[in-house]
Amino acid sequence: LAQHLAGAITPGDGRLCIAGLHTGHLHNRVYGRGELLLNLAYP
């Protein structure tokens, strides 16, 4: 979704920042929960 949103949203007069993405730190599990942040500036 981070890659898709970066390519699909045209900020125009605004600005788009694909920011933090976090699910987990360990190697021996699949994380079912996580979050992705987007910051959008507008004039």
PDB file of all heavy atoms in Angstrom:
ATOM      1  N   LEU A   1       0.826  -1.214   0.000  1.00  0.00           N
ATOM      2  CA  LEU A   1       0.000   0.000   0.000  1.00  0.00           C
ATOM      3  C   LEU A   1       0.856   1.258   0.000  1.00  0.00           C
ATOM      4  O   LEU A   1       0.494   2.257  -0.638  1.00  0.00           O
ATOM      5  CB  LEU A   1      -0.932  -0.010   1.214  1.00  0.00           C
ATOM      6  CG  LEU A   1      -2.041  -1.060   1.190  1.00  0.00           C
ATOM      7  CD1 LEU A   1      -2.808  -1.048   2.510  1.00  0.00           C
ATOM      8  CD2 LEU A   1      -3.000  -0.816   0.019  1.00  0.00           C
ATOM      9  N   ALA A   2       1.988   1.231   0.686  1.00  0.00           N
ATOM     10  CA  ALA A   2       2.872   2.404   0.699  1.00  0.00           C
ATOM     11  C   ALA A   2       3.330   2.736  -0.717  1.00  0.00           C
ATOM     12  O   ALA A   2       3.303   3.901  -1.143  1.00  0.00           O
ATOM     13  CB  ALA A   2       4.070   2.154   1.609  1.00  0.00           C
ATOM     14  N   GLN A   3       3.734   1.716  -1.461  1.00  0.00           N
ATOM     15  CA  GLN A   3       4.173   1.948  -2.833  1.00  0.00           C
ATOM     16  C   GLN A   3       3.006   2.380  -3.716  1.00  0.00           C
ATOM     17  O   GLN A   3       3.143   3.282  -4.550  1.00  0.00           O
ATOM     18  CB  GLN A   3       4.798   0.679  -3.395  1.00  0.00           C
ATOM     19  CG  GLN A   3       6.075   0.265  -2.688  1.00  0.00           C
ATOM     20  CD  GLN A   3       6.688  -0.971  -3.317  1.00  0.00           C
ATOM     21  OE1 GLN A   3       7.126  -0.956  -4.474  1.00  0.00           O
ATOM     22  NE2 GLN A   3       6.701  -2.056  -2.566  1.00  0.00           N
ATOM     23  N   HIS A   4       1.869   1.749  -3.520  1.00  0.00           N
ATOM     24  CA  HIS A   4       0.707   2.092  -4.345  1.00  0.00           C
ATOM     25  C   HIS A   4       0.278   3.530  -4.110  1.00  0.00           C
ATOM     26  O   HIS A   4       0.024   4.282  -5.072  1.00  0.00           O
ATOM     27  CB  HIS A   4      -0.453   1.142  -4.027  1.00  0.00           C
ATOM     28  CG  HIS A   4      -1.690   1.457  -4.822  1.00  0.00           C
ATOM     29  ND1 HIS A   4      -1.898   0.985  -6.097  1.00  0.00           N
ATOM     30  CD2 HIS A   4      -2.780   2.219  -4.508  1.00  0.00           C
ATOM     31  CE1 HIS A   4      -3.057   1.438  -6.548  1.00  0.00           C
ATOM     32  NE2 HIS A   4      -3.617   2.180  -5.594  1.00  0.00           N
ATOM     33  N   LEU A   5       0.202   3.947  -2.860  1.00  0.00           N
ATOM     34  CA  LEU A   5      -0.238   5.309  -2.550  1.00  0.00           C
ATOM     35  C   LEU A   5       0.766   6.337  -3.050  1.00  0.00           C
ATOM     36  O   LEU A   5       0.372   7.416  -3.521  1.00  0.00           O
ATOM     37  CB  LEU A   5      -0.440   5.456  -1.048  1.00  0.00           C
ATOM     38  CG  LEU A   5      -1.569   4.614  -0.447  1.00  0.00           C
ATOM     39  CD1 LEU A   5      -1.511   4.652   1.077  1.00  0.00           C
ATOM     40  CD2 LEU A   5      -2.927   5.087  -0.937  1.00  0.00           C
ATOM     41  N   ALA A   6       2.046   6.023  -2.964  1.00  0.00           N
ATOM     42  CA  ALA A   6       3.062   6.950  -3.456  1.00  0.00           C
ATOM     43  C   ALA A   6       2.905   7.221  -4.939  1.00  0.00           C
ATOM     44  O   ALA A   6       3.146   8.334  -5.411  1.00  0.00           O
ATOM     45  CB  ALA A   6       4.461   6.406  -3.162  1.00  0.00           C
ATOM     46  N   GLY A   7       2.482   6.203  -5.681  1.00  0.00           N
ATOM     47  CA  GLY A   7       2.312   6.378  -7.118  1.00  0.00           C
ATOM     48  C   GLY A   7       0.938   6.870  -7.532  1.00  0.00           C
ATOM     49  O   GLY A   7       0.790   7.480  -8.600  1.00  0.00           O
ATOM     50  N   ALA A   8      -0.062   6.642  -6.682  1.00  0.00           N
ATOM     51  CA  ALA A   8      -1.437   6.939  -7.088  1.00  0.00           C
ATOM     52  C   ALA A   8      -1.908   8.333  -6.694  1.00  0.00           C
ATOM     53  O   ALA A   8      -2.816   8.884  -7.318  1.00  0.00           O
ATOM     54  CB  ALA A   8      -2.386   5.897  -6.484  1.00  0.00           C
ATOM     55  N   ILE A   9      -1.339   8.906  -5.648  1.00  0.00           N
ATOM     56  CA  ILE A   9      -1.804  10.211  -5.162  1.00  0.00           C
ATOM     57  C   ILE A   9      -0.965  11.308  -5.804  1.00  0.00           C
ATOM     58  O   ILE A   9       0.268  11.327  -5.691  1.00  0.00           O
ATOM     59  CB  ILE A   9      -1.695  10.300  -3.630  1.00  0.00           C
ATOM     60  CG1 ILE A   9      -2.580   9.244  -2.973  1.00  0.00           C
ATOM     61  CG2 ILE A   9      -2.085  11.691  -3.139  1.00  0.00           C
ATOM     62  CD1 ILE A   9      -2.406   9.139  -1.479  1.00  0.00           C
ATOM     63  N   THR A  10      -1.633  12.213  -6.483  1.00  0.00           N
ATOM     64  CA  THR A  10      -0.968  13.359  -7.095  1.00  0.00           C
ATOM     65  C   THR A  10      -1.155  14.565  -6.191  1.00  0.00           C
ATOM     66  O   THR A  10      -2.264  15.089  -6.067  1.00  0.00           O
ATOM     67  CB  THR A  10      -1.561  13.651  -8.481  1.00  0.00           C
ATOM     68  OG1 THR A  10      -1.448  12.472  -9.298  1.00  0.00           O
ATOM     69  CG2 THR A  10      -0.834  14.804  -9.150  1.00  0.00           C
ATOM     70  N   PRO A  11      -0.094  15.024  -5.521  1.00  0.00           N
ATOM     71  CA  PRO A  11      -0.291  16.085  -4.533  1.00  0.00           C
ATOM     72  C   PRO A  11      -0.632  17.439  -5.119  1.00  0.00           C
ATOM     73  O   PRO A  11      -1.241  18.269  -4.448  1.00  0.00           O
ATOM     74  CB  PRO A  11       1.049  16.117  -3.786  1.00  0.00           C
ATOM     75  CG  PRO A  11       2.027  15.496  -4.713  1.00  0.00           C
ATOM     76  CD  PRO A  11       1.272  14.505  -5.536  1.00  0.00           C
ATOM     77  N   GLY A  12      -0.245  17.703  -6.368  1.00  0.00           N
ATOM     78  CA  GLY A  12      -0.567  19.002  -6.958  1.00  0.00           C
ATOM     79  C   GLY A  12       0.059  20.131  -6.168  1.00  0.00           C
ATOM     80  O   GLY A  12       1.274  20.164  -5.947  1.00  0.00           O
ATOM     81  N   ASP A  13      -0.771  21.072  -5.692  1.00  0.00           N
ATOM     82  CA  ASP A  13      -0.264  22.195  -4.907  1.00  0.00           C
ATOM     83  C   ASP A  13       0.128  21.784  -3.490  1.00  0.00           C
ATOM     84  O   ASP A  13       0.701  22.584  -2.746  1.00  0.00           O
ATOM     85  CB  ASP A  13      -1.311  23.314  -4.825  1.00  0.00           C
ATOM     86  CG  ASP A  13      -1.522  23.986  -6.169  1.00  0.00           C
ATOM     87  OD1 ASP A  13      -0.607  23.923  -7.005  1.00  0.00           O
ATOM     88  OD2 ASP A  13      -2.598  24.562  -6.384  1.00  0.00           O
ATOM     89  N   GLY A  14      -0.220  20.560  -3.096  1.00  0.00           N
ATOM     90  CA  GLY A  14       0.144  20.081  -1.774  1.00  0.00           C
ATOM     91  C   GLY A  14       1.411  19.248  -1.821  1.00  0.00           C
ATOM     92  O   GLY A  14       2.133  19.230  -2.819  1.00  0.00           O
ATOM     93  N   ARG A  15       1.692  18.578  -0.726  1.00  0.00           N
ATOM     94  CA  ARG A  15       2.862  17.690  -0.669  1.00  0.00           C
ATOM     95  C   ARG A  15       2.461  16.404   0.038  1.00  0.00           C
ATOM     96  O   ARG A  15       1.685  16.421   0.997  1.00  0.00           O
ATOM     97  CB  ARG A  15       4.027  18.343   0.067  1.00  0.00           C
ATOM     98  CG  ARG A  15       4.691  19.462  -0.693  1.00  0.00           C
ATOM     99  CD  ARG A  15       6.079  19.787  -0.135  1.00  0.00           C
ATOM    100  NE  ARG A  15       6.040  20.216   1.235  1.00  0.00           N
ATOM    101  CZ  ARG A  15       5.793  21.456   1.625  1.00  0.00           C
ATOM    102  NH1 ARG A  15       5.520  22.380   0.737  1.00  0.00           N
ATOM    103  NH2 ARG A  15       5.811  21.774   2.907  1.00  0.00           N
ATOM    104  N   LEU A  16       3.024  15.303  -0.445  1.00  0.00           N
ATOM    105  CA  LEU A  16       2.750  13.980   0.116  1.00  0.00           C
ATOM    106  C   LEU A  16       4.032  13.404   0.684  1.00  0.00           C
ATOM    107  O   LEU A  16       5.069  13.389   0.021  1.00  0.00           O
ATOM    108  CB  LEU A  16       2.196  13.056  -0.973  1.00  0.00           C
ATOM    109  CG  LEU A  16       2.127  11.560  -0.635  1.00  0.00           C
ATOM    110  CD1 LEU A  16       1.102  11.301   0.461  1.00  0.00           C
ATOM    111  CD2 LEU A  16       1.804  10.749  -1.881  1.00  0.00           C
ATOM    112  N   CYS A  17       3.958  12.937   1.918  1.00  0.00           N
ATOM    113  CA  CYS A  17       5.082  12.239   2.540  1.00  0.00           C
ATOM    114  C   CYS A  17       4.597  10.867   2.988  1.00  0.00           C
ATOM    115  O   CYS A  17       3.716  10.769   3.848  1.00  0.00           O
ATOM    116  CB  CYS A  17       5.616  13.031   3.741  1.00  0.00           C
ATOM    117  SG  CYS A  17       6.872  12.145   4.701  1.00  0.00           S
ATOM    118  N   ILE A  18       5.128   9.819   2.384  1.00  0.00           N
ATOM    119  CA  ILE A  18       4.892   8.466   2.871  1.00  0.00           C
ATOM    120  C   ILE A  18       5.835   8.283   4.047  1.00  0.00           C
ATOM    121  O   ILE A  18       7.059   8.213   3.883  1.00  0.00           O
ATOM    122  CB  ILE A  18       5.163   7.402   1.791  1.00  0.00           C
ATOM    123  CG1 ILE A  18       4.349   7.710   0.528  1.00  0.00           C
ATOM    124  CG2 ILE A  18       4.830   6.016   2.335  1.00  0.00           C
ATOM    125  CD1 ILE A  18       2.861   7.629   0.689  1.00  0.00           C
ATOM    126  N   ALA A  19       5.284   8.237   5.236  1.00  0.00           N
ATOM    127  CA  ALA A  19       6.098   8.357   6.441  1.00  0.00           C
ATOM    128  C   ALA A  19       6.350   6.985   7.072  1.00  0.00           C
ATOM    129  O   ALA A  19       6.729   6.047   6.390  1.00  0.00           O
ATOM    130  CB  ALA A  19       5.416   9.308   7.424  1.00  0.00           C
ATOM    131  N   GLY A  20       6.113   6.870   8.386  1.00  0.00           N
ATOM    132  CA  GLY A  20       6.489   5.657   9.099  1.00  0.00           C
ATOM    133  C   GLY A  20       5.638   4.445   8.762  1.00  0.00           C
ATOM    134  O   GLY A  20       4.420   4.547   8.572  1.00  0.00           O
ATOM    135  N   LEU A  21       6.287   3.288   8.711  1.00  0.00           N
ATOM    136  CA  LEU A  21       5.606   2.005   8.540  1.00  0.00           C
ATOM    137  C   LEU A  21       6.166   1.072   9.605  1.00  0.00           C
ATOM    138  O   LEU A  21       7.386   0.895   9.704  1.00  0.00           O
ATOM    139  CB  LEU A  21       5.845   1.441   7.140  1.00  0.00           C
ATOM    140  CG  LEU A  21       5.018   0.235   6.703  1.00  0.00           C
ATOM    141  CD1 LEU A  21       5.080   0.089   5.179  1.00  0.00           C
ATOM    142  CD2 LEU A  21       5.454  -1.067   7.335  1.00  0.00           C
ATOM    143  N   HIS A  22       5.277   0.469  10.389  1.00  0.00           N
ATOM    144  CA  HIS A  22       5.756  -0.412  11.442  1.00  0.00           C
ATOM    145  C   HIS A  22       4.833  -1.617  11.593  1.00  0.00           C
ATOM    146  O   HIS A  22       3.614  -1.485  11.623  1.00  0.00           O
ATOM    147  CB  HIS A  22       5.823   0.317  12.785  1.00  0.00           C
ATOM    148  CG  HIS A  22       6.268  -0.577  13.905  1.00  0.00           C
ATOM    149  ND1 HIS A  22       7.578  -0.995  14.045  1.00  0.00           N
ATOM    150  CD2 HIS A  22       5.569  -1.164  14.913  1.00  0.00           C
ATOM    151  CE1 HIS A  22       7.667  -1.782  15.091  1.00  0.00           C
ATOM    152  NE2 HIS A  22       6.474  -1.904  15.646  1.00  0.00           N
ATOM    153  N   THR A  23       5.464  -2.786  11.679  1.00  0.00           N
ATOM    154  CA  THR A  23       4.728  -3.995  12.033  1.00  0.00           C
ATOM    155  C   THR A  23       5.406  -4.698  13.206  1.00  0.00           C
ATOM    156  O   THR A  23       4.744  -5.057  14.179  1.00  0.00           O
ATOM    157  CB  THR A  23       4.626  -4.964  10.842  1.00  0.00           C
ATOM    158  OG1 THR A  23       5.942  -5.231  10.330  1.00  0.00           O
ATOM    159  CG2 THR A  23       3.759  -4.365   9.740  1.00  0.00           C
ATOM    160  N   GLY A  24       6.714  -4.888  13.159  1.00  0.00           N
ATOM    161  CA  GLY A  24       7.403  -5.557  14.251  1.00  0.00           C
ATOM    162  C   GLY A  24       8.887  -5.617  14.029  1.00  0.00           C
ATOM    163  O   GLY A  24       9.387  -5.194  12.984  1.00  0.00           O
ATOM    164  N   HIS A  25       9.594  -6.155  15.029  1.00  0.00           N
ATOM    165  CA  HIS A  25      11.049  -6.168  14.988  1.00  0.00           C
ATOM    166  C   HIS A  25      11.647  -7.575  14.861  1.00  0.00           C
ATOM    167  O   HIS A  25      12.843  -7.716  14.605  1.00  0.00           O
ATOM    168  CB  HIS A  25      11.611  -5.526  16.269  1.00  0.00           C
ATOM    169  CG  HIS A  25      11.246  -4.093  16.440  1.00  0.00           C
ATOM    170  ND1 HIS A  25      11.763  -3.091  15.651  1.00  0.00           N
ATOM    171  CD2 HIS A  25      10.398  -3.480  17.311  1.00  0.00           C
ATOM    172  CE1 HIS A  25      11.277  -1.922  16.025  1.00  0.00           C
ATOM    173  NE2 HIS A  25      10.432  -2.131  17.029  1.00  0.00           N
ATOM    174  N   LEU A  26      10.861  -8.614  15.071  1.00  0.00           N
ATOM    175  CA  LEU A  26      11.418  -9.962  15.143  1.00  0.00           C
ATOM    176  C   LEU A  26      11.358 -10.670  13.790  1.00  0.00           C
ATOM    177  O   LEU A  26      10.546 -10.349  12.924  1.00  0.00           O
ATOM    178  CB  LEU A  26      10.661 -10.771  16.197  1.00  0.00           C
ATOM    179  CG  LEU A  26      10.708 -10.191  17.621  1.00  0.00           C
ATOM    180  CD1 LEU A  26       9.883 -11.038  18.568  1.00  0.00           C
ATOM    181  CD2 LEU A  26      12.160 -10.100  18.118  1.00  0.00           C
ATOM    182  N   HIS A  27      12.208 -11.674  13.656  1.00  0.00           N
ATOM    183  CA  HIS A  27      12.331 -12.396  12.385  1.00  0.00           C
ATOM    184  C   HIS A  27      11.508 -13.675  12.358  1.00  0.00           C
ATOM    185  O   HIS A  27      11.303 -14.253  11.287  1.00  0.00           O
ATOM    186  CB  HIS A  27      13.802 -12.775  12.141  1.00  0.00           C
ATOM    187  CG  HIS A  27      14.307 -13.798  13.097  1.00  0.00           C
ATOM    188  ND1 HIS A  27      14.654 -13.484  14.403  1.00  0.00           N
ATOM    189  CD2 HIS A  27      14.511 -15.146  12.968  1.00  0.00           C
ATOM    190  CE1 HIS A  27      15.060 -14.581  15.014  1.00  0.00           C
ATOM    191  NE2 HIS A  27      14.987 -15.613  14.175  1.00  0.00           N
ATOM    192  N   ASN A  28      11.043 -14.139  13.509  1.00  0.00           N
ATOM    193  CA  ASN A  28      10.469 -15.485  13.583  1.00  0.00           C
ATOM    194  C   ASN A  28       8.960 -15.483  13.742  1.00  0.00           C
ATOM    195  O   ASN A  28       8.400 -16.341  14.411  1.00  0.00           O
ATOM    196  CB  ASN A  28      11.115 -16.266  14.728  1.00  0.00           C
ATOM    197  CG  ASN A  28      10.908 -15.586  16.077  1.00  0.00           C
ATOM    198  OD1 ASN A  28      10.422 -14.458  16.131  1.00  0.00           O
ATOM    199  ND2 ASN A  28      11.271 -16.280  17.157  1.00  0.00           N
ATOM    200  N   ARG A  29       8.297 -14.508  13.139  1.00  0.00           N
ATOM    201  CA  ARG A  29       6.839 -14.480  13.167  1.00  0.00           C
ATOM    202  C   ARG A  29       6.324 -13.631  12.028  1.00  0.00           C
ATOM    203  O   ARG A  29       7.030 -12.816  11.448  1.00  0.00           O
ATOM    204  CB  ARG A  29       6.344 -13.934  14.509  1.00  0.00           C
ATOM    205  CG  ARG A  29       6.738 -12.496  14.764  1.00  0.00           C
ATOM    206  CD  ARG A  29       6.371 -12.023  16.163  1.00  0.00           C
ATOM    207  NE  ARG A  29       4.920 -11.942  16.332  1.00  0.00           N
ATOM    208  CZ  ARG A  29       4.351 -11.470  17.438  1.00  0.00           C
ATOM    209  NH1 ARG A  29       5.095 -11.089  18.469  1.00  0.00           N
ATOM    210  NH2 ARG A  29       3.050 -11.403  17.538  1.00  0.00           N
ATOM    211  N   VAL A  30       5.076 -13.842  11.713  1.00  0.00           N
ATOM    212  CA  VAL A  30       4.356 -13.000  10.759  1.00  0.00           C
ATOM    213  C   VAL A  30       3.490 -12.050  11.572  1.00  0.00           C
ATOM    214  O   VAL A  30       2.704 -12.498  12.420  1.00  0.00           O
ATOM    215  CB  VAL A  30       3.481 -13.848   9.809  1.00  0.00           C
ATOM    216  CG1 VAL A  30       2.557 -12.955   8.996  1.00  0.00           C
ATOM    217  CG2 VAL A  30       4.363 -14.685   8.898  1.00  0.00           C
ATOM    218  N   TYR A  31       3.631 -10.775  11.315  1.00  0.00           N
ATOM    219  CA  TYR A  31       2.867  -9.778  12.060  1.00  0.00           C
ATOM    220  C   TYR A  31       1.556  -9.474  11.337  1.00  0.00           C
ATOM    221  O   TYR A  31       1.549  -9.063  10.172  1.00  0.00           O
ATOM    222  CB  TYR A  31       3.677  -8.495  12.220  1.00  0.00           C
ATOM    223  CG  TYR A  31       4.851  -8.648  13.150  1.00  0.00           C
ATOM    224  CD1 TYR A  31       6.128  -8.941  12.652  1.00  0.00           C
ATOM    225  CD2 TYR A  31       4.691  -8.527  14.529  1.00  0.00           C
ATOM    226  CE1 TYR A  31       7.202  -9.090  13.503  1.00  0.00           C
ATOM    227  CE2 TYR A  31       5.769  -8.678  15.394  1.00  0.00           C
ATOM    228  CZ  TYR A  31       7.013  -8.957  14.872  1.00  0.00           C
ATOM    229  OH  TYR A  31       8.086  -9.122  15.725  1.00  0.00           O
ATOM    230  N   GLY A  32       0.474  -9.650  12.054  1.00  0.00           N
ATOM    231  CA  GLY A  32      -0.843  -9.368  11.473  1.00  0.00           C
ATOM    232  C   GLY A  32      -1.310  -7.945  11.704  1.00  0.00           C
ATOM    233  O   GLY A  32      -2.270  -7.498  11.087  1.00  0.00           O
ATOM    234  N   ARG A  33      -0.630  -7.233  12.600  1.00  0.00           N
ATOM    235  CA  ARG A  33      -1.024  -5.860  12.907  1.00  0.00           C
ATOM    236  C   ARG A  33       0.116  -4.905  12.573  1.00  0.00           C
ATOM    237  O   ARG A  33       1.288  -5.237  12.720  1.00  0.00           O
ATOM    238  CB  ARG A  33      -1.383  -5.717  14.395  1.00  0.00           C
ATOM    239  CG  ARG A  33      -2.585  -6.535  14.816  1.00  0.00           C
ATOM    240  CD  ARG A  33      -2.813  -6.452  16.323  1.00  0.00           C
ATOM    241  NE  ARG A  33      -3.987  -7.202  16.733  1.00  0.00           N
ATOM    242  CZ  ARG A  33      -4.005  -8.512  16.957  1.00  0.00           C
ATOM    243  NH1 ARG A  33      -2.892  -9.205  16.806  1.00  0.00           N
ATOM    244  NH2 ARG A  33      -5.120  -9.121  17.315  1.00  0.00           N
ATOM    245  N   GLY A  34      -0.261  -3.720  12.157  1.00  0.00           N
ATOM    246  CA  GLY A  34       0.747  -2.705  11.849  1.00  0.00           C
ATOM    247  C   GLY A  34       0.082  -1.412  11.431  1.00  0.00           C
ATOM    248  O   GLY A  34      -1.151  -1.309  11.366  1.00  0.00           O
ATOM    249  N   GLU A  35       0.915  -0.406  11.166  1.00  0.00           N
ATOM    250  CA  GLU A  35       0.380   0.879  10.736  1.00  0.00           C
ATOM    251  C   GLU A  35       1.313   1.549   9.749  1.00  0.00           C
ATOM    252  O   GLU A  35       2.532   1.354   9.777  1.00  0.00           O
ATOM    253  CB  GLU A  35       0.107   1.805  11.921  1.00  0.00           C
ATOM    254  CG  GLU A  35       1.329   2.383  12.600  1.00  0.00           C
ATOM    255  CD  GLU A  35       0.976   3.453  13.623  1.00  0.00           C
ATOM    256  OE1 GLU A  35      -0.154   3.445  14.144  1.00  0.00           O
ATOM    257  OE2 GLU A  35       1.851   4.297  13.905  1.00  0.00           O
ATOM    258  N   LEU A  36       0.692   2.331   8.878  1.00  0.00           N
ATOM    259  CA  LEU A  36       1.389   3.130   7.879  1.00  0.00           C
ATOM    260  C   LEU A  36       0.889   4.561   8.020  1.00  0.00           C
ATOM    261  O   LEU A  36      -0.324   4.794   8.095  1.00  0.00           O
ATOM    262  CB  LEU A  36       1.094   2.588   6.470  1.00  0.00           C
ATOM    263  CG  LEU A  36       1.482   3.468   5.283  1.00  0.00           C
ATOM    264  CD1 LEU A  36       3.004   3.603   5.198  1.00  0.00           C
ATOM    265  CD2 LEU A  36       0.913   2.890   3.990  1.00  0.00           C
ATOM    266  N   LEU A  37       1.812   5.517   8.044  1.00  0.00           N
ATOM    267  CA  LEU A  37       1.447   6.924   8.202  1.00  0.00           C
ATOM    268  C   LEU A  37       1.732   7.702   6.929  1.00  0.00           C
ATOM    269  O   LEU A  37       2.767   7.505   6.279  1.00  0.00           O
ATOM    270  CB  LEU A  37       2.212   7.557   9.373  1.00  0.00           C
ATOM    271  CG  LEU A  37       1.975   6.945  10.750  1.00  0.00           C
ATOM    272  CD1 LEU A  37       2.884   7.608  11.775  1.00  0.00           C
ATOM    273  CD2 LEU A  37       0.514   7.084  11.161  1.00  0.00           C
ATOM    274  N   LEU A  38       0.839   8.600   6.608  1.00  0.00           N
ATOM    275  CA  LEU A  38       1.012   9.524   5.494  1.00  0.00           C
ATOM    276  C   LEU A  38       0.813  10.941   6.021  1.00  0.00           C
ATOM    277  O   LEU A  38      -0.130  11.191   6.776  1.00  0.00           O
ATOM    278  CB  LEU A  38      -0.019   9.289   4.377  1.00  0.00           C
ATOM    279  CG  LEU A  38       0.131   8.103   3.434  1.00  0.00           C
ATOM    280  CD1 LEU A  38      -0.134   6.794   4.145  1.00  0.00           C
ATOM    281  CD2 LEU A  38      -0.824   8.264   2.261  1.00  0.00           C
ATOM    282  N   ASN A  39       1.685  11.845   5.637  1.00  0.00           N
ATOM    283  CA  ASN A  39       1.503  13.246   5.986  1.00  0.00           C
ATOM    284  C   ASN A  39       1.275  14.035   4.714  1.00  0.00           C
ATOM    285  O   ASN A  39       2.013  13.881   3.735  1.00  0.00           O
ATOM    286  CB  ASN A  39       2.712  13.796   6.743  1.00  0.00           C
ATOM    287  CG  ASN A  39       2.331  14.926   7.673  1.00  0.00           C
ATOM    288  OD1 ASN A  39       1.436  14.786   8.494  1.00  0.00           O
ATOM    289  ND2 ASN A  39       3.006  16.050   7.554  1.00  0.00           N
ATOM    290  N   LEU A  40       0.262  14.877   4.721  1.00  0.00           N
ATOM    291  CA  LEU A  40      -0.114  15.630   3.527  1.00  0.00           C
ATOM    292  C   LEU A  40      -0.210  17.107   3.888  1.00  0.00           C
ATOM    293  O   LEU A  40      -0.999  17.491   4.755  1.00  0.00           O
ATOM    294  CB  LEU A  40      -1.449  15.139   2.971  1.00  0.00           C
ATOM    295  CG  LEU A  40      -1.486  13.644   2.620  1.00  0.00           C
ATOM    296  CD1 LEU A  40      -2.357  12.898   3.622  1.00  0.00           C
ATOM    297  CD2 LEU A  40      -1.997  13.430   1.211  1.00  0.00           C
ATOM    298  N   ALA A  41       0.609  17.918   3.240  1.00  0.00           N
ATOM    299  CA  ALA A  41       0.567  19.363   3.454  1.00  0.00           C
ATOM    300  C   ALA A  41      -0.270  19.996   2.356  1.00  0.00           C
ATOM    301  O   ALA A  41      -0.275  19.535   1.206  1.00  0.00           O
ATOM    302  CB  ALA A  41       1.971  19.945   3.446  1.00  0.00           C
ATOM    303  N   TYR A  42      -0.974  21.071   2.706  1.00  0.00           N
ATOM    304  CA  TYR A  42      -1.866  21.714   1.737  1.00  0.00           C
ATOM    305  C   TYR A  42      -1.865  23.225   1.951  1.00  0.00           C
ATOM    306  O   TYR A  42      -1.758  23.708   3.074  1.00  0.00           O
ATOM    307  CB  TYR A  42      -3.285  21.159   1.868  1.00  0.00           C
ATOM    308  CG  TYR A  42      -3.840  21.178   3.271  1.00  0.00           C
ATOM    309  CD1 TYR A  42      -4.560  22.266   3.756  1.00  0.00           C
ATOM    310  CD2 TYR A  42      -3.638  20.099   4.136  1.00  0.00           C
ATOM    311  CE1 TYR A  42      -5.066  22.279   5.052  1.00  0.00           C
ATOM    312  CE2 TYR A  42      -4.131  20.105   5.443  1.00  0.00           C
ATOM    313  CZ  TYR A  42      -4.844  21.204   5.883  1.00  0.00           C
ATOM    314  OH  TYR A  42      -5.336  21.221   7.165  1.00  0.00           O
ATOM    315  N   PRO A  43      -1.976  23.996   0.847  1.00  0.00           N
ATOM    316  CA  PRO A  43      -1.944  25.455   0.956  1.00  0.00           C
ATOM    317  C   PRO A  43      -3.309  26.089   1.180  1.00  0.00           C
ATOM    318  O   PRO A  43      -3.387  27.282   1.466  1.00  0.00           O
ATOM    319  CB  PRO A  43      -1.359  25.895  -0.389  1.00  0.00           C
ATOM    320  CG  PRO A  43      -1.864  24.849  -1.341  1.00  0.00           C
ATOM    321  CD  PRO A  43      -1.899  23.557  -0.555  1.00  0.00           C
TER     322      PRO A  43
END
